[in-house]
Amino acid sequence: MMLLLWTAAAFLSGSLMFSYWLGLAANKKISEVGDGNPGALNLWKAAGFRLGLAGIVLDFLKGYLPLLWLSGADFAQGIRLVPLALAPIAGHAFSPFLKGRGGKAIAVTFGVWSAVTEFKAAIAYAVILAILKGGARLARGDRTKSAESDGLQVLAGTLLLAAYLLAAQREAELLFVWLGSFAIMAYKHRRELAAWLGKRR
């Protein structure tokens, strides 16, 4: 029962669309900016770096704080950690406050990984994404980056995170957390993935 209640609470935490609401407070509807994602990056584009940074921090914390609070609880150990860790990510991606049309859950995913691995996997994920971004910039040259390339970098980085978890011999339940988060990430980037696959045919 405690597991169910805390999973629901973690989902609710993740579903709080701070970046979208900060955008509305600044008279910006960020779901109509850029790729339409109601997340911190489009808040940054629409309302500037101060609000954008606030959105990133709040989206991170809504994944980090619930898992940090639950660390050490008996009902949050082993495989029971999986629904608790995935709940904030799913809450952001399918927020009921936006009728299921949530964001791409990148910042909240960093928050979850920071809490469940004491920042180790989050740092590895950040390094992987930075390397991929740098490599893409070199390959792209002077061409403007696209939402498609950004999406593919996130998916590739999430895939490579699994290699880190395996190499670090992390607990088995973290691989299930990774699998669930990758499934959500792939779904939220399905348009970019479909566009890329279409170009390869």
C-alpha atoms as a PDB file:
ATOM      1  CA  MET A   1       0.000   0.000   0.000  1.00  0.00           C
ATOM      2  CA  MET A   2       2.829   2.410   0.850  1.00  0.00           C
ATOM      3  CA  LEU A   3       4.485   1.634  -2.465  1.00  0.00           C
ATOM      4  CA  LEU A   4       1.286   2.466  -4.352  1.00  0.00           C
ATOM      5  CA  LEU A   5       0.710   5.701  -2.444  1.00  0.00           C
ATOM      6  CA  TRP A   6       4.274   6.932  -2.890  1.00  0.00           C
ATOM      7  CA  THR A   7       4.297   5.976  -6.566  1.00  0.00           C
ATOM      8  CA  ALA A   8       1.166   8.104  -7.031  1.00  0.00           C
ATOM      9  CA  ALA A   9       2.803  10.955  -5.087  1.00  0.00           C
ATOM     10  CA  ALA A  10       5.966  10.719  -7.207  1.00  0.00           C
ATOM     11  CA  PHE A  11       3.845  10.749 -10.378  1.00  0.00           C
ATOM     12  CA  LEU A  12       2.018  13.843  -9.122  1.00  0.00           C
ATOM     13  CA  SER A  13       5.347  15.533  -8.371  1.00  0.00           C
ATOM     14  CA  GLY A  14       6.560  14.829 -11.900  1.00  0.00           C
ATOM     15  CA  SER A  15       3.317  16.031 -13.442  1.00  0.00           C
ATOM     16  CA  LEU A  16       3.722  19.573 -12.058  1.00  0.00           C
ATOM     17  CA  MET A  17       4.501  21.542 -15.226  1.00  0.00           C
ATOM     18  CA  PHE A  18       6.607  24.317 -13.739  1.00  0.00           C
ATOM     19  CA  SER A  19       8.193  25.430 -17.019  1.00  0.00           C
ATOM     20  CA  TYR A  20       4.811  25.684 -18.730  1.00  0.00           C
ATOM     21  CA  TRP A  21       3.339  27.650 -15.833  1.00  0.00           C
ATOM     22  CA  LEU A  22       6.353  29.963 -15.624  1.00  0.00           C
ATOM     23  CA  GLY A  23       5.874  30.616 -19.324  1.00  0.00           C
ATOM     24  CA  LEU A  24       2.222  31.517 -18.775  1.00  0.00           C
ATOM     25  CA  ALA A  25       3.257  33.852 -15.941  1.00  0.00           C
ATOM     26  CA  ALA A  26       5.540  35.587 -18.447  1.00  0.00           C
ATOM     27  CA  ASN A  27       2.730  35.701 -21.040  1.00  0.00           C
ATOM     28  CA  LYS A  28       4.456  33.057 -23.160  1.00  0.00           C
ATOM     29  CA  LYS A  29       2.730  29.881 -24.315  1.00  0.00           C
ATOM     30  CA  ILE A  30       5.794  27.683 -24.682  1.00  0.00           C
ATOM     31  CA  SER A  31       3.831  24.834 -26.264  1.00  0.00           C
ATOM     32  CA  GLU A  32       3.760  27.094 -29.354  1.00  0.00           C
ATOM     33  CA  VAL A  33       7.526  27.731 -29.302  1.00  0.00           C
ATOM     34  CA  GLY A  34      10.146  25.686 -31.159  1.00  0.00           C
ATOM     35  CA  ASP A  35       9.187  22.019 -31.238  1.00  0.00           C
ATOM     36  CA  GLY A  36       6.153  22.641 -29.007  1.00  0.00           C
ATOM     37  CA  ASN A  37       7.642  20.838 -26.012  1.00  0.00           C
ATOM     38  CA  PRO A  38       6.264  22.399 -22.792  1.00  0.00           C
ATOM     39  CA  GLY A  39       9.630  22.116 -21.070  1.00  0.00           C
ATOM     40  CA  ALA A  40      12.471  24.242 -19.782  1.00  0.00           C
ATOM     41  CA  LEU A  41      14.369  24.587 -23.083  1.00  0.00           C
ATOM     42  CA  ASN A  42      11.430  26.226 -24.825  1.00  0.00           C
ATOM     43  CA  LEU A  43      10.844  28.357 -21.730  1.00  0.00           C
ATOM     44  CA  TRP A  44      14.464  29.505 -22.080  1.00  0.00           C
ATOM     45  CA  LYS A  45      13.894  30.316 -25.757  1.00  0.00           C
ATOM     46  CA  ALA A  46      10.635  32.149 -25.112  1.00  0.00           C
ATOM     47  CA  ALA A  47      11.306  33.986 -21.855  1.00  0.00           C
ATOM     48  CA  GLY A  48      15.072  34.173 -21.409  1.00  0.00           C
ATOM     49  CA  PHE A  49      17.740  32.350 -19.456  1.00  0.00           C
ATOM     50  CA  ARG A  50      16.570  33.345 -15.947  1.00  0.00           C
ATOM     51  CA  LEU A  51      13.152  31.755 -16.257  1.00  0.00           C
ATOM     52  CA  GLY A  52      14.636  28.958 -18.358  1.00  0.00           C
ATOM     53  CA  LEU A  53      17.165  28.156 -15.636  1.00  0.00           C
ATOM     54  CA  ALA A  54      14.422  28.267 -13.007  1.00  0.00           C
ATOM     55  CA  GLY A  55      12.421  25.807 -15.112  1.00  0.00           C
ATOM     56  CA  ILE A  56      15.386  23.435 -15.410  1.00  0.00           C
ATOM     57  CA  VAL A  57      16.015  23.505 -11.644  1.00  0.00           C
ATOM     58  CA  LEU A  58      12.346  22.946 -10.767  1.00  0.00           C
ATOM     59  CA  ASP A  59      11.964  20.133 -13.313  1.00  0.00           C
ATOM     60  CA  PHE A  60      15.126  18.517 -11.928  1.00  0.00           C
ATOM     61  CA  LEU A  61      13.938  18.802  -8.327  1.00  0.00           C
ATOM     62  CA  LYS A  62      10.541  17.231  -8.969  1.00  0.00           C
ATOM     63  CA  GLY A  63      12.383  14.055  -9.957  1.00  0.00           C
ATOM     64  CA  TYR A  64      15.188  14.352  -7.417  1.00  0.00           C
ATOM     65  CA  LEU A  65      13.394  15.245  -4.188  1.00  0.00           C
ATOM     66  CA  PRO A  66      10.796  12.428  -4.076  1.00  0.00           C
ATOM     67  CA  LEU A  67      13.464   9.770  -4.667  1.00  0.00           C
ATOM     68  CA  LEU A  68      15.856  11.395  -2.213  1.00  0.00           C
ATOM     69  CA  TRP A  69      13.087  11.465   0.391  1.00  0.00           C
ATOM     70  CA  LEU A  70      12.363   7.764  -0.182  1.00  0.00           C
ATOM     71  CA  SER A  71      15.983   6.613  -0.108  1.00  0.00           C
ATOM     72  CA  GLY A  72      16.415   4.116   2.695  1.00  0.00           C
ATOM     73  CA  ALA A  73      12.705   3.331   3.032  1.00  0.00           C
ATOM     74  CA  ASP A  74      12.090  -0.418   3.254  1.00  0.00           C
ATOM     75  CA  PHE A  75       9.355  -0.376   0.607  1.00  0.00           C
ATOM     76  CA  ALA A  76      11.651   1.456  -1.857  1.00  0.00           C
ATOM     77  CA  GLN A  77      14.360  -1.190  -2.018  1.00  0.00           C
ATOM     78  CA  GLY A  78      15.203  -3.647  -4.798  1.00  0.00           C
ATOM     79  CA  ILE A  79      12.760  -4.081  -7.643  1.00  0.00           C
ATOM     80  CA  ARG A  80      10.187  -1.933  -5.797  1.00  0.00           C
ATOM     81  CA  LEU A  81      12.363   1.072  -6.611  1.00  0.00           C
ATOM     82  CA  VAL A  82      11.438   0.793 -10.296  1.00  0.00           C
ATOM     83  CA  PRO A  83       7.851   2.190 -10.221  1.00  0.00           C
ATOM     84  CA  LEU A  84       8.913   4.897  -7.763  1.00  0.00           C
ATOM     85  CA  ALA A  85      11.776   6.021 -10.012  1.00  0.00           C
ATOM     86  CA  LEU A  86       9.746   5.931 -13.215  1.00  0.00           C
ATOM     87  CA  ALA A  87       6.717   7.717 -11.759  1.00  0.00           C
ATOM     88  CA  PRO A  88       8.114  11.312 -11.882  1.00  0.00           C
ATOM     89  CA  ILE A  89       9.389  10.767 -15.428  1.00  0.00           C
ATOM     90  CA  ALA A  90       6.012   9.415 -16.563  1.00  0.00           C
ATOM     91  CA  GLY A  91       4.248  12.205 -14.688  1.00  0.00           C
ATOM     92  CA  HIS A  92       6.142  14.860 -16.629  1.00  0.00           C
ATOM     93  CA  ALA A  93       5.837  13.064 -19.967  1.00  0.00           C
ATOM     94  CA  PHE A  94       2.077  12.470 -19.615  1.00  0.00           C
ATOM     95  CA  SER A  95       1.051  15.241 -17.252  1.00  0.00           C
ATOM     96  CA  PRO A  96      -2.683  15.265 -16.467  1.00  0.00           C
ATOM     97  CA  PHE A  97      -2.379  19.038 -16.058  1.00  0.00           C
ATOM     98  CA  LEU A  98      -1.783  19.222 -19.828  1.00  0.00           C
ATOM     99  CA  LYS A  99      -4.245  16.446 -20.721  1.00  0.00           C
ATOM    100  CA  GLY A 100      -1.446  13.914 -21.134  1.00  0.00           C
ATOM    101  CA  ARG A 101       0.638  16.129 -23.441  1.00  0.00           C
ATOM    102  CA  GLY A 102       3.630  16.615 -21.189  1.00  0.00           C
ATOM    103  CA  GLY A 103       7.242  17.351 -21.951  1.00  0.00           C
ATOM    104  CA  LYS A 104      10.178  15.207 -23.029  1.00  0.00           C
ATOM    105  CA  ALA A 105      11.256  14.602 -19.433  1.00  0.00           C
ATOM    106  CA  ILE A 106      14.987  15.241 -19.783  1.00  0.00           C
ATOM    107  CA  ALA A 107      15.521  17.414 -16.676  1.00  0.00           C
ATOM    108  CA  VAL A 108      13.299  15.248 -14.464  1.00  0.00           C
ATOM    109  CA  THR A 109      15.172  12.165 -15.704  1.00  0.00           C
ATOM    110  CA  PHE A 110      18.431  13.764 -14.573  1.00  0.00           C
ATOM    111  CA  GLY A 111      16.793  14.369 -11.203  1.00  0.00           C
ATOM    112  CA  VAL A 112      15.766  10.741 -10.820  1.00  0.00           C
ATOM    113  CA  TRP A 113      19.184   9.376 -11.809  1.00  0.00           C
ATOM    114  CA  SER A 114      20.864  11.839  -9.455  1.00  0.00           C
ATOM    115  CA  ALA A 115      18.790  10.574  -6.536  1.00  0.00           C
ATOM    116  CA  VAL A 116      18.985   6.827  -7.172  1.00  0.00           C
ATOM    117  CA  THR A 117      22.730   6.717  -7.958  1.00  0.00           C
ATOM    118  CA  GLU A 118      24.012   9.618  -5.813  1.00  0.00           C
ATOM    119  CA  PHE A 119      24.614  11.664  -8.987  1.00  0.00           C
ATOM    120  CA  LYS A 120      26.949   9.063 -10.572  1.00  0.00           C
ATOM    121  CA  ALA A 121      24.683   7.998 -13.464  1.00  0.00           C
ATOM    122  CA  ALA A 122      23.468  11.580 -13.958  1.00  0.00           C
ATOM    123  CA  ILE A 123      27.048  12.806 -14.348  1.00  0.00           C
ATOM    124  CA  ALA A 124      27.823   9.946 -16.743  1.00  0.00           C
ATOM    125  CA  TYR A 125      24.665  10.807 -18.725  1.00  0.00           C
ATOM    126  CA  ALA A 126      25.654  14.490 -18.875  1.00  0.00           C
ATOM    127  CA  VAL A 127      29.160  13.611 -20.097  1.00  0.00           C
ATOM    128  CA  ILE A 128      27.751  11.255 -22.747  1.00  0.00           C
ATOM    129  CA  LEU A 129      25.323  13.915 -24.013  1.00  0.00           C
ATOM    130  CA  ALA A 130      28.072  16.563 -24.035  1.00  0.00           C
ATOM    131  CA  ILE A 131      30.332  14.308 -26.124  1.00  0.00           C
ATOM    132  CA  LEU A 132      27.508  13.520 -28.542  1.00  0.00           C
ATOM    133  CA  LYS A 133      26.613  17.203 -28.817  1.00  0.00           C
ATOM    134  CA  GLY A 134      30.238  18.144 -29.494  1.00  0.00           C
ATOM    135  CA  GLY A 135      30.590  15.392 -32.089  1.00  0.00           C
ATOM    136  CA  ALA A 136      27.368  16.442 -33.807  1.00  0.00           C
ATOM    137  CA  ARG A 137      28.534  20.059 -33.900  1.00  0.00           C
ATOM    138  CA  LEU A 138      31.799  19.056 -35.577  1.00  0.00           C
ATOM    139  CA  ALA A 139      29.961  16.860 -38.073  1.00  0.00           C
ATOM    140  CA  ARG A 140      27.359  19.532 -38.769  1.00  0.00           C
ATOM    141  CA  GLY A 141      29.821  22.341 -39.421  1.00  0.00           C
ATOM    142  CA  ASP A 142      28.027  25.576 -40.253  1.00  0.00           C
ATOM    143  CA  ARG A 143      24.649  23.950 -40.741  1.00  0.00           C
ATOM    144  CA  THR A 144      21.892  24.854 -38.292  1.00  0.00           C
ATOM    145  CA  LYS A 145      21.049  22.148 -35.803  1.00  0.00           C
ATOM    146  CA  SER A 146      17.592  20.613 -35.971  1.00  0.00           C
ATOM    147  CA  ALA A 147      15.103  19.288 -33.419  1.00  0.00           C
ATOM    148  CA  GLU A 148      15.589  15.912 -35.087  1.00  0.00           C
ATOM    149  CA  SER A 149      19.323  15.858 -34.345  1.00  0.00           C
ATOM    150  CA  ASP A 150      18.730  16.988 -30.754  1.00  0.00           C
ATOM    151  CA  GLY A 151      16.221  14.202 -30.248  1.00  0.00           C
ATOM    152  CA  LEU A 152      18.527  11.582 -31.696  1.00  0.00           C
ATOM    153  CA  GLN A 153      21.361  12.740 -29.432  1.00  0.00           C
ATOM    154  CA  VAL A 154      19.127  12.315 -26.378  1.00  0.00           C
ATOM    155  CA  LEU A 155      18.084   8.809 -27.475  1.00  0.00           C
ATOM    156  CA  ALA A 156      21.657   7.806 -28.308  1.00  0.00           C
ATOM    157  CA  GLY A 157      22.825   9.179 -24.966  1.00  0.00           C
ATOM    158  CA  THR A 158      20.142   7.209 -23.138  1.00  0.00           C
ATOM    159  CA  LEU A 159      21.209   4.051 -24.956  1.00  0.00           C
ATOM    160  CA  LEU A 160      24.841   4.627 -23.999  1.00  0.00           C
ATOM    161  CA  LEU A 161      23.801   5.157 -20.390  1.00  0.00           C
ATOM    162  CA  ALA A 162      22.918   1.466 -20.303  1.00  0.00           C
ATOM    163  CA  ALA A 163      26.533   0.676 -21.217  1.00  0.00           C
ATOM    164  CA  TYR A 164      27.678   2.735 -18.247  1.00  0.00           C
ATOM    165  CA  LEU A 165      25.264   0.952 -15.886  1.00  0.00           C
ATOM    166  CA  LEU A 166      26.476  -2.439 -17.101  1.00  0.00           C
ATOM    167  CA  ALA A 167      30.153  -1.476 -16.929  1.00  0.00           C
ATOM    168  CA  ALA A 168      29.698  -0.073 -13.422  1.00  0.00           C
ATOM    169  CA  GLN A 169      27.878  -3.279 -12.420  1.00  0.00           C
ATOM    170  CA  ARG A 170      24.995  -1.336 -10.949  1.00  0.00           C
ATOM    171  CA  GLU A 171      22.054  -3.040  -9.281  1.00  0.00           C
ATOM    172  CA  ALA A 172      19.675  -4.951 -11.546  1.00  0.00           C
ATOM    173  CA  GLU A 173      16.721  -2.741 -10.640  1.00  0.00           C
ATOM    174  CA  LEU A 174      18.529   0.249 -12.149  1.00  0.00           C
ATOM    175  CA  LEU A 175      18.559  -1.515 -15.505  1.00  0.00           C
ATOM    176  CA  PHE A 176      14.768  -1.773 -15.275  1.00  0.00           C
ATOM    177  CA  VAL A 177      14.609   1.932 -14.415  1.00  0.00           C
ATOM    178  CA  TRP A 178      16.768   2.586 -17.464  1.00  0.00           C
ATOM    179  CA  LEU A 179      14.542   0.408 -19.671  1.00  0.00           C
ATOM    180  CA  GLY A 180      11.401   2.232 -18.580  1.00  0.00           C
ATOM    181  CA  SER A 181      12.962   5.669 -18.947  1.00  0.00           C
ATOM    182  CA  PHE A 182      14.294   4.786 -22.392  1.00  0.00           C
ATOM    183  CA  ALA A 183      10.834   3.602 -23.483  1.00  0.00           C
ATOM    184  CA  ILE A 184       9.307   6.901 -22.338  1.00  0.00           C
ATOM    185  CA  MET A 185      12.107   8.897 -23.966  1.00  0.00           C
ATOM    186  CA  ALA A 186      11.742   6.990 -27.243  1.00  0.00           C
ATOM    187  CA  TYR A 187       7.992   7.604 -27.269  1.00  0.00           C
ATOM    188  CA  LYS A 188       8.395  11.320 -26.577  1.00  0.00           C
ATOM    189  CA  HIS A 189      10.974  11.570 -29.399  1.00  0.00           C
ATOM    190  CA  ARG A 190       9.048   9.337 -31.797  1.00  0.00           C
ATOM    191  CA  ARG A 191       8.636  12.063 -34.425  1.00  0.00           C
ATOM    192  CA  GLU A 192      12.369  12.764 -34.567  1.00  0.00           C
ATOM    193  CA  LEU A 193      13.079   9.043 -34.702  1.00  0.00           C
ATOM    194  CA  ALA A 194      10.534   8.510 -37.481  1.00  0.00           C
ATOM    195  CA  ALA A 195      11.985  11.412 -39.487  1.00  0.00           C
ATOM    196  CA  TRP A 196      15.495   9.977 -39.138  1.00  0.00           C
ATOM    197  CA  LEU A 197      14.388   6.467 -40.115  1.00  0.00           C
ATOM    198  CA  GLY A 198      12.507   7.914 -43.091  1.00  0.00           C
ATOM    199  CA  LYS A 199      15.702   9.517 -44.388  1.00  0.00           C
ATOM    200  CA  ARG A 200      17.541   6.195 -44.133  1.00  0.00           C
ATOM    201  CA  ARG A 201      15.101   4.376 -46.433  1.00  0.00           C
END
